[in-house]
Amino acid sequence: MAIGSGQPADDLAISVTTWMPVMGHACAQKPVKVSAIGDGNYVLAPIAASMDGKCELILSIGVPTADGGESPAFRVATPTFVIPKG
């Protein structure tokens, strides 16, 4: 991810919530961990759904501030994707 400067950012505070809109609850029972791997790229794992169906990832992203703090997080929902049976 890149911030206002357009440079890759490896120090973002990112949390992930899985969500099944049709069912009104989380897709996964295990928390999704976020790891920065360099050049503004992050890995989200594990994404292990507890059941098949349509799921969203809701990302809360906080950007570091010049004083060492963090901006208020903003939320981004991914397009819905399908968890296959199996």
N, C-alpha and C. Protein backbone atom coordinates (compact mmCIF):
# COMPACT_ATOMS: atom_id res chain seq x y z
N MET A 1 0.84 -1.16 0.00
CA MET A 1 0.00 0.00 0.00
C MET A 1 0.89 1.24 0.00
N ALA A 2 0.40 2.30 -0.58
CA ALA A 2 1.13 3.56 -0.60
C ALA A 2 0.31 4.60 0.15
N ILE A 3 0.99 5.51 0.83
CA ILE A 3 0.30 6.60 1.51
C ILE A 3 0.44 7.87 0.70
N GLY A 4 0.08 9.02 1.26
CA GLY A 4 0.02 10.28 0.53
C GLY A 4 1.23 10.60 -0.33
N SER A 5 2.42 10.20 0.09
CA SER A 5 3.63 10.48 -0.67
C SER A 5 3.73 9.62 -1.93
N GLY A 6 2.92 8.58 -2.01
CA GLY A 6 2.99 7.65 -3.13
C GLY A 6 4.02 6.56 -2.92
N GLN A 7 4.77 6.66 -1.81
CA GLN A 7 5.79 5.65 -1.51
C GLN A 7 5.15 4.46 -0.79
N PRO A 8 5.66 3.25 -1.01
CA PRO A 8 5.12 2.09 -0.29
C PRO A 8 5.23 2.28 1.22
N ALA A 9 4.24 1.82 1.94
CA ALA A 9 4.21 1.96 3.41
C ALA A 9 4.16 0.58 4.05
N ASP A 10 5.17 0.29 4.87
CA ASP A 10 5.22 -0.99 5.56
C ASP A 10 4.86 -0.86 7.04
N ASP A 11 4.45 0.34 7.47
CA ASP A 11 4.19 0.55 8.88
C ASP A 11 2.72 0.91 9.17
N LEU A 12 1.84 0.47 8.31
CA LEU A 12 0.42 0.71 8.53
C LEU A 12 -0.11 -0.23 9.61
N ALA A 13 -1.08 0.24 10.37
CA ALA A 13 -1.76 -0.60 11.36
C ALA A 13 -3.01 -1.16 10.67
N ILE A 14 -2.98 -2.43 10.33
CA ILE A 14 -4.09 -3.04 9.59
C ILE A 14 -4.68 -4.17 10.41
N SER A 15 -6.00 -4.14 10.56
CA SER A 15 -6.71 -5.27 11.18
C SER A 15 -7.76 -5.75 10.20
N VAL A 16 -8.12 -7.03 10.31
CA VAL A 16 -9.03 -7.66 9.36
C VAL A 16 -10.19 -8.31 10.10
N THR A 17 -11.39 -8.07 9.59
CA THR A 17 -12.58 -8.76 10.06
C THR A 17 -13.18 -9.49 8.87
N THR A 18 -13.49 -10.77 9.04
CA THR A 18 -14.19 -11.50 7.98
C THR A 18 -15.69 -11.37 8.26
N TRP A 19 -16.49 -11.33 7.19
CA TRP A 19 -17.93 -11.10 7.38
C TRP A 19 -18.74 -11.81 6.30
N MET A 20 -19.76 -12.53 6.73
CA MET A 20 -20.73 -13.16 5.81
C MET A 20 -21.99 -12.31 5.85
N PRO A 21 -22.19 -11.44 4.85
CA PRO A 21 -23.34 -10.53 4.89
C PRO A 21 -24.69 -11.25 4.95
N VAL A 22 -24.81 -12.37 4.26
CA VAL A 22 -26.09 -13.08 4.23
C VAL A 22 -26.43 -13.68 5.60
N MET A 23 -25.40 -14.15 6.30
CA MET A 23 -25.61 -14.80 7.59
C MET A 23 -25.54 -13.83 8.76
N GLY A 24 -24.89 -12.67 8.55
CA GLY A 24 -24.77 -11.68 9.62
C GLY A 24 -23.76 -12.04 10.70
N HIS A 25 -22.72 -12.79 10.32
CA HIS A 25 -21.67 -13.13 11.29
C HIS A 25 -20.34 -13.31 10.57
N ALA A 26 -19.29 -13.52 11.36
CA ALA A 26 -17.94 -13.68 10.81
C ALA A 26 -17.84 -14.94 9.96
N CYS A 27 -16.94 -14.90 8.95
CA CYS A 27 -16.67 -16.07 8.11
C CYS A 27 -15.75 -17.05 8.83
N ALA A 28 -14.78 -16.51 9.53
CA ALA A 28 -13.74 -17.34 10.13
C ALA A 28 -13.78 -17.23 11.64
N GLN A 29 -13.46 -18.34 12.30
CA GLN A 29 -13.40 -18.32 13.75
C GLN A 29 -12.02 -17.92 14.24
N LYS A 30 -10.98 -18.14 13.42
CA LYS A 30 -9.62 -17.76 13.79
C LYS A 30 -9.37 -16.32 13.36
N PRO A 31 -8.65 -15.54 14.18
CA PRO A 31 -8.32 -14.17 13.76
C PRO A 31 -7.36 -14.18 12.58
N VAL A 32 -7.53 -13.21 11.70
CA VAL A 32 -6.64 -13.06 10.55
C VAL A 32 -5.49 -12.15 10.98
N LYS A 33 -4.26 -12.62 10.82
CA LYS A 33 -3.08 -11.84 11.17
C LYS A 33 -2.57 -11.14 9.92
N VAL A 34 -2.03 -9.94 10.12
CA VAL A 34 -1.50 -9.13 9.02
C VAL A 34 -0.01 -8.95 9.23
N SER A 35 0.78 -9.26 8.18
CA SER A 35 2.23 -9.11 8.25
C SER A 35 2.72 -8.30 7.06
N ALA A 36 3.52 -7.27 7.34
CA ALA A 36 4.16 -6.50 6.27
C ALA A 36 5.32 -7.32 5.72
N ILE A 37 5.41 -7.43 4.38
CA ILE A 37 6.50 -8.22 3.79
C ILE A 37 7.42 -7.35 2.91
N GLY A 38 7.24 -6.03 2.99
CA GLY A 38 8.11 -5.12 2.26
C GLY A 38 7.48 -4.53 1.02
N ASP A 39 7.97 -3.35 0.65
CA ASP A 39 7.50 -2.63 -0.54
C ASP A 39 6.00 -2.36 -0.53
N GLY A 40 5.42 -2.19 0.66
CA GLY A 40 3.99 -1.88 0.76
C GLY A 40 3.08 -3.08 0.60
N ASN A 41 3.64 -4.28 0.62
CA ASN A 41 2.85 -5.51 0.50
C ASN A 41 2.61 -6.13 1.87
N TYR A 42 1.43 -6.69 2.04
CA TYR A 42 1.04 -7.31 3.30
C TYR A 42 0.45 -8.69 3.01
N VAL A 43 0.66 -9.62 3.94
CA VAL A 43 0.06 -10.95 3.85
C VAL A 43 -1.01 -11.05 4.93
N LEU A 44 -2.19 -11.56 4.55
CA LEU A 44 -3.28 -11.79 5.48
C LEU A 44 -3.43 -13.30 5.63
N ALA A 45 -3.26 -13.82 6.84
CA ALA A 45 -3.36 -15.27 7.02
C ALA A 45 -3.65 -15.58 8.49
N PRO A 46 -4.31 -16.65 8.79
CA PRO A 46 -4.98 -17.53 7.84
C PRO A 46 -6.36 -16.99 7.51
N ILE A 47 -6.82 -17.27 6.33
CA ILE A 47 -8.21 -16.99 5.98
C ILE A 47 -8.87 -18.35 5.83
N ALA A 48 -9.39 -18.83 6.93
CA ALA A 48 -9.98 -20.16 7.00
C ALA A 48 -11.44 -20.01 7.40
N ALA A 49 -12.32 -20.20 6.46
CA ALA A 49 -13.75 -20.02 6.71
C ALA A 49 -14.32 -21.21 7.47
N SER A 50 -15.29 -20.92 8.32
CA SER A 50 -15.94 -21.97 9.10
C SER A 50 -17.08 -22.63 8.32
N MET A 51 -17.48 -22.02 7.20
CA MET A 51 -18.54 -22.60 6.36
C MET A 51 -18.43 -22.03 4.96
N ASP A 52 -19.07 -22.68 3.99
CA ASP A 52 -19.04 -22.16 2.62
C ASP A 52 -20.04 -21.02 2.48
N GLY A 53 -19.85 -20.19 1.46
CA GLY A 53 -20.76 -19.09 1.20
C GLY A 53 -20.00 -17.82 0.83
N LYS A 54 -20.74 -16.73 0.67
CA LYS A 54 -20.15 -15.45 0.29
C LYS A 54 -19.56 -14.76 1.52
N CYS A 55 -18.36 -14.20 1.35
CA CYS A 55 -17.63 -13.59 2.45
C CYS A 55 -17.01 -12.27 2.01
N GLU A 56 -16.81 -11.36 2.96
CA GLU A 56 -16.10 -10.10 2.74
C GLU A 56 -14.94 -10.03 3.72
N LEU A 57 -13.90 -9.31 3.34
CA LEU A 57 -12.85 -8.94 4.27
C LEU A 57 -13.02 -7.45 4.53
N ILE A 58 -13.12 -7.07 5.78
CA ILE A 58 -13.24 -5.66 6.14
C ILE A 58 -11.90 -5.26 6.76
N LEU A 59 -11.20 -4.35 6.10
CA LEU A 59 -9.89 -3.91 6.56
C LEU A 59 -10.04 -2.59 7.30
N SER A 60 -9.44 -2.48 8.48
CA SER A 60 -9.33 -1.21 9.20
C SER A 60 -7.87 -0.81 9.09
N ILE A 61 -7.61 0.37 8.53
CA ILE A 61 -6.24 0.79 8.23
C ILE A 61 -5.94 2.10 8.94
N GLY A 62 -4.90 2.10 9.76
CA GLY A 62 -4.42 3.31 10.43
C GLY A 62 -3.07 3.70 9.86
N VAL A 63 -2.86 4.98 9.64
CA VAL A 63 -1.62 5.49 9.05
C VAL A 63 -0.82 6.19 10.15
N PRO A 64 0.50 5.91 10.24
CA PRO A 64 1.31 6.60 11.25
C PRO A 64 1.36 8.11 10.97
N THR A 65 1.43 8.89 12.04
CA THR A 65 1.51 10.34 11.91
C THR A 65 2.93 10.81 12.22
N ALA A 66 3.23 12.05 11.86
CA ALA A 66 4.58 12.60 12.03
C ALA A 66 5.01 12.62 13.50
N ASP A 67 4.05 12.73 14.44
CA ASP A 67 4.40 12.80 15.87
C ASP A 67 4.54 11.41 16.51
N GLY A 68 4.52 10.37 15.68
CA GLY A 68 4.68 9.01 16.19
C GLY A 68 3.37 8.34 16.57
N GLY A 69 2.28 9.04 16.42
CA GLY A 69 0.97 8.47 16.71
C GLY A 69 0.40 7.76 15.50
N GLU A 70 -0.90 7.63 15.49
CA GLU A 70 -1.58 6.94 14.39
C GLU A 70 -2.86 7.69 14.07
N SER A 71 -3.16 7.83 12.78
CA SER A 71 -4.40 8.48 12.37
C SER A 71 -5.58 7.60 12.75
N PRO A 72 -6.77 8.20 12.83
CA PRO A 72 -7.95 7.35 13.02
C PRO A 72 -8.03 6.35 11.86
N ALA A 73 -8.35 5.11 12.17
CA ALA A 73 -8.42 4.08 11.14
C ALA A 73 -9.61 4.33 10.23
N PHE A 74 -9.45 3.99 8.96
CA PHE A 74 -10.58 4.00 8.05
C PHE A 74 -10.85 2.57 7.63
N ARG A 75 -12.10 2.30 7.28
CA ARG A 75 -12.51 0.93 6.94
C ARG A 75 -12.73 0.78 5.45
N VAL A 76 -12.31 -0.36 4.94
CA VAL A 76 -12.47 -0.69 3.54
C VAL A 76 -13.02 -2.11 3.47
N ALA A 77 -14.10 -2.31 2.73
CA ALA A 77 -14.64 -3.66 2.54
C ALA A 77 -14.26 -4.14 1.15
N THR A 78 -13.80 -5.38 1.06
CA THR A 78 -13.45 -5.95 -0.23
C THR A 78 -14.72 -6.37 -0.95
N PRO A 79 -14.62 -6.61 -2.25
CA PRO A 79 -15.76 -7.22 -2.92
C PRO A 79 -16.06 -8.58 -2.27
N THR A 80 -17.29 -8.98 -2.35
CA THR A 80 -17.68 -10.29 -1.80
C THR A 80 -17.04 -11.39 -2.64
N PHE A 81 -16.52 -12.41 -1.98
CA PHE A 81 -15.98 -13.56 -2.67
C PHE A 81 -16.63 -14.82 -2.11
N VAL A 82 -16.53 -15.91 -2.83
CA VAL A 82 -17.22 -17.15 -2.44
C VAL A 82 -16.23 -18.13 -1.84
N ILE A 83 -16.57 -18.66 -0.67
CA ILE A 83 -15.83 -19.73 -0.03
C ILE A 83 -16.46 -21.04 -0.53
N PRO A 84 -15.71 -21.87 -1.26
CA PRO A 84 -16.30 -23.11 -1.79
C PRO A 84 -16.49 -24.16 -0.71
N LYS A 85 -17.38 -25.10 -0.96
CA LYS A 85 -17.56 -26.23 -0.05
C LYS A 85 -16.30 -27.08 -0.08
N GLY A 86 -16.01 -27.68 1.05
CA GLY A 86 -14.87 -28.61 1.05
C GLY A 86 -14.01 -28.34 2.15
